[in-house]
Amino acid sequence: MHIMSYVFFVDNYPHYCDIPSLEMSGWTSEQIRNISLPKMQSPHEYGCEYYNYNYSFLSTMSFEEAFNYVHSLRKVPELMPCRKHKYENTDSVVSEWNLVCDRYYYRTHIQSAYALGKFFGASFFGVLADKYGRRSSFSLAASCFAISAALAAFCDYFYLFLCIRFLIGFGAVGCYGTAYTLLSELHVGSSKTLVCCAFNISYAIGMIILVALAYYIRFWKTLLIAMSIPTLILPSFYWFLPESPQWLLSQKRSEDAWKMLHRLDPSITPFLNSPKIVRQTSAENTTKAVSPKRFKPFIKFAALFSTSTLAIRTLICFFVWFAVSAMYYGLAFNGDNLTVNQYTYIAINGVLEIFSYLSPVLLLNLFGRKGASLLLFTLTGFLLLSIMFISKDLGIVILIIALLGRFFATSAYVIFALFTSELFPTVIRNTAIGASLTMSHVGTFISPYIVDILGAYRWYIPSTIFGLFSIMSIFFVCFLPETKNKPSYNNIEEMVSSNESRLTS
C-alpha cells in the first residue's frame, strides 16, 4: 500500500491562477480557466501563467459575454506568471505544498524518497540479516517501518515528509527482503517454489485494498493513517518467527540449528550431543579476532565478488533486478500517460497481479528458473515495444497490452527473486538479495522520472524504455546457470569445490 500510495497522493486535477474578481462574480473554475489560461501547454506548464485582461471589467459580464469579448480583441494581452494558485482538488499533496509549475517535479521526489530509502535499506538489512540473523533484522526493520509510517500522516513540512518517506522505504524493504530469505530457507523443492511465489501475492492484495481505501478516503493524510495501522502489528512478529536453521549452521551454531529444526518439526530429534557438531577451527577464530567488526559488512559485500563465478552472477542480478523493478513500478505509475482512470488502472493491476504471482509455479515446473525468466522477459519486451506503433486513439488496445506487459514483468520479478536466492550460498545469500534489492531500487527511483518527465514529451516513451530494459535482461540471463533441483550451498568453499568437481568429472 505504501509503495503505490504515490499514485493517489498526487493528482492531475486542473489548477489555475487565482482571480478573485471572477470568483466573486460566481464564475466556475472551468470558466475562469477557459478565459484566463493559454491553451496547448505541457502538464508541468499548464496553469502557471494567465492572460493580463482587465478582469474587474470582465467580472461585470456573464461568461458568454466575456468569452465573445476577449475573442473579438485584435491583440492578445501579455502573459503574466501566477501569484497564487487555486485547486479543484484540495485533498492531495499537490495543493498541500503547491507542487505545480516550477515545483511540478517535486511531486516525483515523494516516490523517489521512498525508493532511495529502499536503496539503502536493502543493503543495510541484507548485511544485518547475514550477521545477526533473519529474525533480528526483520524486527528492527519492522519497528522502523511502523514508527515512520505513523509519523508521516502528521507531517506539515514537505522536506520533513520526504525524510519520513525515506525511512518508510528503508524499513519496508528490510521487512520484505529478510522475510523472503527466511521463507526460502525454511522450505525446499516444490514447497519453496509455491511459498515464495505465494508470498508476493501480498503486493496485489495491498494494491486492491489501497484502491478501496483511496476511493472512500480522499484526503491524503487520512489515507496515510489508514494505511499505517497494519504496520503497527509487524514488530510483534519477533516472538512468532523462527530463526533460519541454514543461517544458524552457517554461523557454526549447530546446536541452535538442531533445536530450531525440532521446534519446526517435533519429529526431528535434536542431536545435541552428536560428535559431528561443527565447531570453529582455530584458524577461523584467528580470522575472526583480527577482523574488526566494523569491516564485516564490507567483507560480506566483497564476498559477492570473491570469485569470477560469483562476480558474474552478482553483476547480472544487479542489472536484472534494476530493470524489472523499473518496469514493475514504472508501468504501475504510467496510467496518466495512457489516459486511464487511476482507480480502475490500479485495481485491474492488483487483480491481475494475483495471477501473475501464481503463474510462475507452473512455469517453473515446466521450464525451470532460467527458461521461465527468458520466456517472460521476451513476452514483456515484445508487448511494451509494440505500444509505440499503436495509435493513442486505440486506448483500450493500449491498456490491454500495457496490462499484459506488466503481468509478465511481475511474473518475471517473482521468478528472478527465487532464482537469485538459489544462485548464492547461505553465508552470503541475504547479502546478495539485499544488494540486488538495492540495485532494484535504482530502477524504482528513476521510474517516476521516466514516467513524469519523458512521458510529458511523448506518451509512449516510458513503455518503450521499459521494453528495452526487458530485451537487455534476456541477453544477461543467458549467462546464468539453471538452479532447479540443484544443491544449495552453505558457504563459498562448497560452491567452488562443487564447480571444480563438475569441471573435472
Foldseek 3Di string as FASTA:
>chain_A
DLLLCLLQQDDQFDKAADDPLQVVLPDDPVLCLVQWWDPDDFSQAGRFKTFPDPVNVVSVDDSVVSVVVQVPDPDTHDIDGGPDMDGPDCQHVCNLPVCGHVNVCVSLLQNLLLLLLLLVLLLVLLLVCLVPFLLVSLLVLLVQQLVLLQVLLVDSDSVVNSNSSSSNSSSVNSNVLSVLLLLCLVDDALSSLQVLLQVVLVVLVVLQVLLVLCVVDNRSSVSSNVVSVVSVCRNVCSVVDQTRLLSCVLVLNLQSSLVSVCVVPVVRDRPNVDPPRDDDDPVNVVVVVPDDPVCSSVVLLVVCVVDVLSVLLLVLLLLLLQLLLLLQVLLLSLCVLLVHDNSVLSNVLSVLLSVLSVVLSVVCVVQFLLRLLLVLLVLLLVLLQCLVVDDSVPSVVNSVSSSVSSSSSSNSNSSVLSVLLQSAAQSNSSSSSSNSSSSNSVSSNCSVVCNPPVCSVPSSRSSNVSSVSSVVSSVSSVPDDGRRPNDHHHHPVVVVVVVVVVVVD
